[in-house]
Amino acid sequence: MAFNKLPAKRKIYGDDDFHIRPKAGFNDICYIIARPHDKDLGGDLLFDVEGEFGTGANSLKSERRYARKGDYKNCKYVYFKHDLEDMTEKQKKAILRWATDGGI
């Protein structure tokens, strides 16, 4: 999902039409990843927030239930270190502030 400023740290982003949840990792750690917006996708947005995607009202309801149950309790907010060199200062400053768990 693309944003002009990084959104609040949440486990589920989006709506019935399209939503993302944390990506599964190792040792029950999951990730939400902030990246500079891919200009090939169009638009003047600054940031992409990545995770695993879902669609539909039932999927969103299930994901919210999983989040409340604690399935995503060990969620880290990160960035890719290799993205830093291609970021503007504004993007870099915002992502470093947002990604409290550091880069991968």
Protein backbone atom coordinates (compact mmCIF):
# COMPACT_ATOMS: atom_id res chain seq x y z
CA MET A 1 0.00 0.00 0.00
CA ALA A 2 1.32 3.44 -0.85
CA PHE A 3 1.19 6.50 1.40
CA ASN A 4 2.44 10.09 1.38
CA LYS A 5 3.45 9.79 5.02
CA LEU A 6 4.06 6.64 6.97
CA PRO A 7 0.91 5.46 8.73
CA ALA A 8 0.45 4.62 12.38
CA LYS A 9 1.94 1.26 13.34
CA ARG A 10 -0.86 -1.26 13.00
CA LYS A 11 -1.04 -4.96 12.29
CA ILE A 12 -3.70 -4.72 9.53
CA TYR A 13 -3.87 -1.97 6.88
CA GLY A 14 -6.62 -1.50 4.34
CA ASP A 15 -10.25 -2.42 3.84
CA ASP A 16 -12.50 -5.14 2.39
CA ASP A 17 -11.20 -4.54 -1.12
CA PHE A 18 -7.49 -4.88 -0.30
CA HIS A 19 -5.61 -5.23 2.98
CA ILE A 20 -2.17 -6.25 4.19
CA ARG A 21 -1.06 -8.05 7.29
CA PRO A 22 2.44 -8.73 8.63
CA LYS A 23 4.72 -11.05 6.65
CA ALA A 24 5.52 -14.26 8.45
CA GLY A 25 9.12 -14.64 9.53
CA PHE A 26 11.17 -16.97 11.72
CA ASN A 27 10.63 -17.78 15.41
CA ASP A 28 7.09 -16.32 15.44
CA ILE A 29 8.38 -12.88 14.38
CA CYS A 30 6.41 -11.11 11.67
CA TYR A 31 7.21 -7.95 9.73
CA ILE A 32 5.65 -4.83 8.26
CA ILE A 33 8.16 -3.26 5.88
CA ALA A 34 8.43 0.41 4.87
CA ARG A 35 10.06 1.16 1.52
CA PRO A 36 10.43 4.15 -0.77
CA HIS A 37 7.55 4.20 -3.26
CA ASP A 38 8.21 2.37 -6.52
CA LYS A 39 7.84 5.14 -9.14
CA ASP A 40 7.10 2.49 -11.80
CA LEU A 41 3.76 1.99 -10.06
CA GLY A 42 2.86 5.61 -10.79
CA GLY A 43 1.74 8.48 -8.64
CA ASP A 44 3.58 10.97 -6.48
CA LEU A 45 3.45 8.96 -3.28
CA LEU A 46 6.53 8.65 -1.06
CA PHE A 47 6.24 5.32 0.77
CA ASP A 48 5.12 1.76 0.26
CA VAL A 49 4.17 -0.40 3.23
CA GLU A 50 4.55 -4.09 2.49
CA GLY A 51 3.13 -7.21 4.02
CA GLU A 52 1.07 -10.18 2.88
CA PHE A 53 -2.13 -9.17 1.15
CA GLY A 54 -5.72 -10.30 1.31
CA THR A 55 -9.03 -9.31 -0.26
CA GLY A 56 -12.64 -9.50 0.81
CA ALA A 57 -14.67 -8.80 3.92
CA ASN A 58 -14.30 -12.33 5.33
CA SER A 59 -10.52 -12.26 4.99
CA LEU A 60 -10.29 -8.86 6.69
CA LYS A 61 -12.55 -10.02 9.52
CA SER A 62 -10.41 -13.13 10.03
CA GLU A 63 -7.17 -11.14 10.02
CA ARG A 64 -8.51 -8.70 12.60
CA ARG A 65 -9.57 -11.65 14.74
CA TYR A 66 -6.08 -13.16 14.48
CA ALA A 67 -4.53 -9.82 15.42
CA ARG A 68 -6.79 -9.46 18.49
CA LYS A 69 -6.02 -13.07 19.46
CA GLY A 70 -2.31 -12.20 19.47
CA ASP A 71 -1.10 -14.03 16.36
CA TYR A 72 0.83 -10.92 15.30
CA LYS A 73 1.95 -9.83 18.77
CA ASN A 74 5.64 -10.14 17.88
CA CYS A 75 5.49 -7.73 14.94
CA LYS A 76 8.51 -5.69 13.89
CA TYR A 77 8.41 -2.51 11.79
CA VAL A 78 11.46 -2.52 9.54
CA TYR A 79 13.05 -1.25 6.32
CA PHE A 80 15.52 -2.80 3.88
CA LYS A 81 19.02 -1.41 4.42
CA HIS A 82 19.75 -1.49 0.69
CA ASP A 83 16.83 0.92 0.09
CA LEU A 84 18.50 3.71 2.09
CA GLU A 85 20.90 4.72 -0.69
CA ASP A 86 18.01 5.38 -3.11
CA MET A 87 15.87 7.41 -0.67
CA THR A 88 15.49 11.15 -0.47
CA GLU A 89 16.44 12.72 2.86
CA LYS A 90 12.74 13.17 3.67
CA GLN A 91 12.02 9.48 3.04
CA LYS A 92 15.11 8.32 4.93
CA LYS A 93 14.34 10.45 7.99
CA ALA A 94 10.72 9.28 8.12
CA ILE A 95 11.52 5.59 7.61
CA LEU A 96 14.32 5.57 10.19
CA ARG A 97 11.96 7.16 12.72
CA TRP A 98 9.08 4.80 11.86
CA ALA A 99 11.07 1.55 11.76
CA THR A 100 11.91 1.30 15.42
CA ASP A 101 13.03 -2.29 14.99
CA GLY A 102 15.70 -1.38 12.46
CA GLY A 103 16.68 -2.57 9.04
CA ILE A 104 16.95 -6.02 7.57
